[in-house]
Amino acid sequence: MAQLNTPYFLVDEGLLKKNLEVLRQVQQEAGCKILLAQKAFSMFACYPLISRYLAGTTASGLYEARLGREEFPGEVHVFSPAYREEEFQALLGLLDIVAQSGAEAVGCGIVIEKGFQEGGRIVREKGVRVESLARIQSMSEETGVVFCD
């Protein structure tokens, strides 16, 4: 290792497999799916190995979603605290690619949806389930933040 230039990342495949075995066992015993949070681990050179153990990836942005779709066989879950209006169009493009590949988009999660923008409505009209923790109807200095019912 003294000959390697820094910085470099060294992954112990044995330890990675050991941890992945634990995650597989949790999935089996709990009857749930475990997804790879790409922000925490975007070393996609390991995706072929990890995909044998985990159900898919989760992405908090469009580039992570694309990385998951292109490099990780399995489900891709997209979740973002808030999308900019123009990102909804890119999200629709990803949904089309998912459909063309024969996979199914099960939904889209948003923490705070700006209900006064068109993006959420357009995605819903495409038949995609959109879940939001909060939907904002309007925002102004006079009224503050007004939430949708």
C-alpha atoms as a PDB file:
ATOM      1  CA  MET A   1       0.000   0.000   0.000  1.00  0.00           C
ATOM      2  CA  ALA A   2       2.965   2.332   0.370  1.00  0.00           C
ATOM      3  CA  GLN A   3       2.973   2.679  -3.431  1.00  0.00           C
ATOM      4  CA  LEU A   4      -0.612   3.963  -3.675  1.00  0.00           C
ATOM      5  CA  ASN A   5      -1.150   7.652  -4.241  1.00  0.00           C
ATOM      6  CA  THR A   6      -3.432   9.411  -1.819  1.00  0.00           C
ATOM      7  CA  PRO A   7      -6.217  10.003  -1.390  1.00  0.00           C
ATOM      8  CA  TYR A   8      -7.625   6.536  -2.028  1.00  0.00           C
ATOM      9  CA  PHE A   9     -10.382   4.433  -0.574  1.00  0.00           C
ATOM     10  CA  LEU A  10      -9.755   0.910   0.593  1.00  0.00           C
ATOM     11  CA  VAL A  11     -12.794  -1.326   1.064  1.00  0.00           C
ATOM     12  CA  ASP A  12     -12.478  -4.583   2.966  1.00  0.00           C
ATOM     13  CA  GLU A  13     -14.810  -6.777   0.913  1.00  0.00           C
ATOM     14  CA  GLY A  14     -14.984  -9.385   3.667  1.00  0.00           C
ATOM     15  CA  LEU A  15     -16.198  -6.863   6.236  1.00  0.00           C
ATOM     16  CA  LEU A  16     -18.607  -5.329   3.730  1.00  0.00           C
ATOM     17  CA  LYS A  17     -20.108  -8.767   3.011  1.00  0.00           C
ATOM     18  CA  LYS A  18     -20.388  -9.477   6.742  1.00  0.00           C
ATOM     19  CA  ASN A  19     -22.384  -6.256   7.255  1.00  0.00           C
ATOM     20  CA  LEU A  20     -24.518  -6.958   4.197  1.00  0.00           C
ATOM     21  CA  GLU A  21     -25.343 -10.428   5.554  1.00  0.00           C
ATOM     22  CA  VAL A  22     -26.653  -8.769   8.721  1.00  0.00           C
ATOM     23  CA  LEU A  23     -28.806  -6.429   6.639  1.00  0.00           C
ATOM     24  CA  ARG A  24     -30.137  -9.337   4.584  1.00  0.00           C
ATOM     25  CA  GLN A  25     -31.083 -11.169   7.790  1.00  0.00           C
ATOM     26  CA  VAL A  26     -32.876  -8.062   9.120  1.00  0.00           C
ATOM     27  CA  GLN A  27     -34.864  -7.821   5.875  1.00  0.00           C
ATOM     28  CA  GLN A  28     -35.849 -11.482   6.069  1.00  0.00           C
ATOM     29  CA  GLU A  29     -36.786 -11.498   9.744  1.00  0.00           C
ATOM     30  CA  ALA A  30     -38.572  -8.140   9.715  1.00  0.00           C
ATOM     31  CA  GLY A  31     -40.235  -8.629   6.344  1.00  0.00           C
ATOM     32  CA  CYS A  32     -39.016  -5.264   5.150  1.00  0.00           C
ATOM     33  CA  LYS A  33     -36.815  -3.823   2.450  1.00  0.00           C
ATOM     34  CA  ILE A  34     -33.548  -2.082   3.182  1.00  0.00           C
ATOM     35  CA  LEU A  35     -32.352   0.522   0.716  1.00  0.00           C
ATOM     36  CA  LEU A  36     -28.892   1.927   0.190  1.00  0.00           C
ATOM     37  CA  ALA A  37     -28.782   5.632   1.068  1.00  0.00           C
ATOM     38  CA  GLN A  38     -26.447   6.838  -1.622  1.00  0.00           C
ATOM     39  CA  LYS A  39     -25.494  10.017   0.207  1.00  0.00           C
ATOM     40  CA  ALA A  40     -24.014   7.871   2.914  1.00  0.00           C
ATOM     41  CA  PHE A  41     -22.283   5.514   0.475  1.00  0.00           C
ATOM     42  CA  SER A  42     -21.935   6.531  -3.163  1.00  0.00           C
ATOM     43  CA  MET A  43     -19.080   4.161  -3.978  1.00  0.00           C
ATOM     44  CA  PHE A  44     -20.860   2.701  -6.988  1.00  0.00           C
ATOM     45  CA  ALA A  45     -17.981   0.335  -7.753  1.00  0.00           C
ATOM     46  CA  CYS A  46     -19.415  -1.735  -4.875  1.00  0.00           C
ATOM     47  CA  TYR A  47     -23.016  -1.617  -6.169  1.00  0.00           C
ATOM     48  CA  PRO A  48     -22.881  -5.018  -7.939  1.00  0.00           C
ATOM     49  CA  LEU A  49     -22.005  -6.673  -4.623  1.00  0.00           C
ATOM     50  CA  ILE A  50     -24.399  -4.608  -2.497  1.00  0.00           C
ATOM     51  CA  SER A  51     -27.292  -5.178  -4.905  1.00  0.00           C
ATOM     52  CA  ARG A  52     -27.175  -8.900  -4.128  1.00  0.00           C
ATOM     53  CA  TYR A  53     -28.200  -8.065  -0.562  1.00  0.00           C
ATOM     54  CA  LEU A  54     -30.298  -4.879  -0.590  1.00  0.00           C
ATOM     55  CA  ALA A  55     -33.575  -4.126  -2.360  1.00  0.00           C
ATOM     56  CA  GLY A  56     -32.503  -0.882  -3.994  1.00  0.00           C
ATOM     57  CA  THR A  57     -31.322   2.653  -3.453  1.00  0.00           C
ATOM     58  CA  THR A  58     -32.772   5.869  -2.173  1.00  0.00           C
ATOM     59  CA  ALA A  59     -31.937   9.249  -3.617  1.00  0.00           C
ATOM     60  CA  SER A  60     -32.537  12.755  -2.385  1.00  0.00           C
ATOM     61  CA  GLY A  61     -31.894  14.348  -5.740  1.00  0.00           C
ATOM     62  CA  LEU A  62     -32.077  13.719  -9.426  1.00  0.00           C
ATOM     63  CA  TYR A  63     -28.404  12.875  -9.942  1.00  0.00           C
ATOM     64  CA  GLU A  64     -28.454  10.286  -7.165  1.00  0.00           C
ATOM     65  CA  ALA A  65     -31.639   8.805  -8.658  1.00  0.00           C
ATOM     66  CA  ARG A  66     -29.946   8.534 -12.024  1.00  0.00           C
ATOM     67  CA  LEU A  67     -26.863   6.923 -10.465  1.00  0.00           C
ATOM     68  CA  GLY A  68     -29.071   4.394  -8.688  1.00  0.00           C
ATOM     69  CA  ARG A  69     -30.989   3.594 -11.871  1.00  0.00           C
ATOM     70  CA  GLU A  70     -27.857   3.230 -13.988  1.00  0.00           C
ATOM     71  CA  GLU A  71     -25.579   1.422 -11.547  1.00  0.00           C
ATOM     72  CA  PHE A  72     -27.751  -0.497  -9.055  1.00  0.00           C
ATOM     73  CA  PRO A  73     -30.111  -3.213 -10.231  1.00  0.00           C
ATOM     74  CA  GLY A  74     -33.164  -2.945  -8.019  1.00  0.00           C
ATOM     75  CA  GLU A  75     -35.625  -0.362  -6.804  1.00  0.00           C
ATOM     76  CA  VAL A  76     -34.824   3.353  -6.880  1.00  0.00           C
ATOM     77  CA  HIS A  77     -36.670   5.480  -4.344  1.00  0.00           C
ATOM     78  CA  VAL A  78     -36.531   9.237  -4.833  1.00  0.00           C
ATOM     79  CA  PHE A  79     -37.126  11.461  -1.857  1.00  0.00           C
ATOM     80  CA  SER A  80     -36.309  15.120  -1.439  1.00  0.00           C
ATOM     81  CA  PRO A  81     -37.150  17.663   1.217  1.00  0.00           C
ATOM     82  CA  ALA A  82     -38.340  20.004  -1.535  1.00  0.00           C
ATOM     83  CA  TYR A  83     -38.151  19.996  -5.312  1.00  0.00           C
ATOM     84  CA  ARG A  84     -37.629  23.087  -7.402  1.00  0.00           C
ATOM     85  CA  GLU A  85     -40.258  23.437 -10.090  1.00  0.00           C
ATOM     86  CA  GLU A  86     -37.820  22.612 -12.894  1.00  0.00           C
ATOM     87  CA  GLU A  87     -36.757  19.418 -11.136  1.00  0.00           C
ATOM     88  CA  PHE A  88     -40.249  17.988 -11.516  1.00  0.00           C
ATOM     89  CA  GLN A  89     -39.762  17.934 -15.303  1.00  0.00           C
ATOM     90  CA  ALA A  90     -36.495  16.021 -14.858  1.00  0.00           C
ATOM     91  CA  LEU A  91     -38.277  13.679 -12.436  1.00  0.00           C
ATOM     92  CA  LEU A  92     -40.923  13.014 -15.092  1.00  0.00           C
ATOM     93  CA  GLY A  93     -38.124  12.113 -17.494  1.00  0.00           C
ATOM     94  CA  LEU A  94     -36.754   9.611 -14.986  1.00  0.00           C
ATOM     95  CA  LEU A  95     -40.224   8.144 -14.515  1.00  0.00           C
ATOM     96  CA  ASP A  96     -40.483   7.639 -18.286  1.00  0.00           C
ATOM     97  CA  ILE A  97     -37.114   5.860 -18.306  1.00  0.00           C
ATOM     98  CA  VAL A  98     -38.254   3.644 -15.434  1.00  0.00           C
ATOM     99  CA  ALA A  99     -41.403   2.711 -17.359  1.00  0.00           C
ATOM    100  CA  GLN A 100     -39.456   2.042 -20.569  1.00  0.00           C
ATOM    101  CA  SER A 101     -37.139  -0.322 -18.707  1.00  0.00           C
ATOM    102  CA  GLY A 102     -40.118  -2.413 -17.602  1.00  0.00           C
ATOM    103  CA  ALA A 103     -39.821  -1.357 -13.962  1.00  0.00           C
ATOM    104  CA  GLU A 104     -42.513   0.324 -11.920  1.00  0.00           C
ATOM    105  CA  ALA A 105     -42.322   3.649 -10.126  1.00  0.00           C
ATOM    106  CA  VAL A 106     -44.227   3.127  -6.905  1.00  0.00           C
ATOM    107  CA  GLY A 107     -44.263   6.712  -5.787  1.00  0.00           C
ATOM    108  CA  CYS A 108     -42.516   9.938  -4.962  1.00  0.00           C
ATOM    109  CA  GLY A 109     -41.932  11.393  -1.507  1.00  0.00           C
ATOM    110  CA  ILE A 110     -41.632  15.061  -0.683  1.00  0.00           C
ATOM    111  CA  VAL A 111     -41.225  16.549   2.773  1.00  0.00           C
ATOM    112  CA  ILE A 112     -42.587  19.999   1.925  1.00  0.00           C
ATOM    113  CA  GLU A 113     -44.574  20.371  -1.285  1.00  0.00           C
ATOM    114  CA  LYS A 114     -45.248  23.816  -2.654  1.00  0.00           C
ATOM    115  CA  GLY A 115     -48.883  23.253  -3.582  1.00  0.00           C
ATOM    116  CA  PHE A 116     -49.022  26.559  -5.419  1.00  0.00           C
ATOM    117  CA  GLN A 117     -46.566  25.206  -8.014  1.00  0.00           C
ATOM    118  CA  GLU A 118     -47.575  22.825 -10.783  1.00  0.00           C
ATOM    119  CA  GLY A 119     -44.964  20.081 -10.331  1.00  0.00           C
ATOM    120  CA  GLY A 120     -46.805  17.878  -7.841  1.00  0.00           C
ATOM    121  CA  ARG A 121     -50.051  18.070  -9.789  1.00  0.00           C
ATOM    122  CA  ILE A 122     -48.308  17.145 -13.056  1.00  0.00           C
ATOM    123  CA  VAL A 123     -46.614  14.118 -11.476  1.00  0.00           C
ATOM    124  CA  ARG A 124     -49.917  12.985  -9.930  1.00  0.00           C
ATOM    125  CA  GLU A 125     -51.647  13.308 -13.316  1.00  0.00           C
ATOM    126  CA  LYS A 126     -49.064  10.871 -14.693  1.00  0.00           C
ATOM    127  CA  GLY A 127     -50.457   8.326 -12.240  1.00  0.00           C
ATOM    128  CA  VAL A 128     -47.576   8.505  -9.764  1.00  0.00           C
ATOM    129  CA  ARG A 129     -48.423   8.418  -6.080  1.00  0.00           C
ATOM    130  CA  VAL A 130     -47.008  11.533  -4.414  1.00  0.00           C
ATOM    131  CA  GLU A 131     -46.744  11.645  -0.620  1.00  0.00           C
ATOM    132  CA  SER A 132     -45.979  14.903   1.139  1.00  0.00           C
ATOM    133  CA  LEU A 133     -45.595  15.504   4.857  1.00  0.00           C
ATOM    134  CA  ALA A 134     -46.767  19.074   4.352  1.00  0.00           C
ATOM    135  CA  ARG A 135     -48.286  20.981   1.432  1.00  0.00           C
ATOM    136  CA  ILE A 136     -47.942  24.752   1.355  1.00  0.00           C
ATOM    137  CA  GLN A 137     -50.868  26.590  -0.222  1.00  0.00           C
ATOM    138  CA  SER A 138     -49.185  30.026  -0.198  1.00  0.00           C
ATOM    139  CA  MET A 139     -46.414  32.051   1.380  1.00  0.00           C
ATOM    140  CA  SER A 140     -46.226  35.810   1.864  1.00  0.00           C
ATOM    141  CA  GLU A 141     -45.020  38.331   4.385  1.00  0.00           C
ATOM    142  CA  GLU A 142     -48.600  39.302   5.181  1.00  0.00           C
ATOM    143  CA  THR A 143     -50.073  35.827   5.774  1.00  0.00           C
ATOM    144  CA  GLY A 144     -46.951  33.828   6.511  1.00  0.00           C
ATOM    145  CA  VAL A 145     -47.091  30.190   5.464  1.00  0.00           C
ATOM    146  CA  VAL A 146     -50.568  28.840   4.734  1.00  0.00           C
ATOM    147  CA  PHE A 147     -50.811  25.048   4.585  1.00  0.00           C
ATOM    148  CA  CYS A 148     -53.225  23.046   2.441  1.00  0.00           C
ATOM    149  CA  ASP A 149     -55.836  20.962   4.263  1.00  0.00           C
END
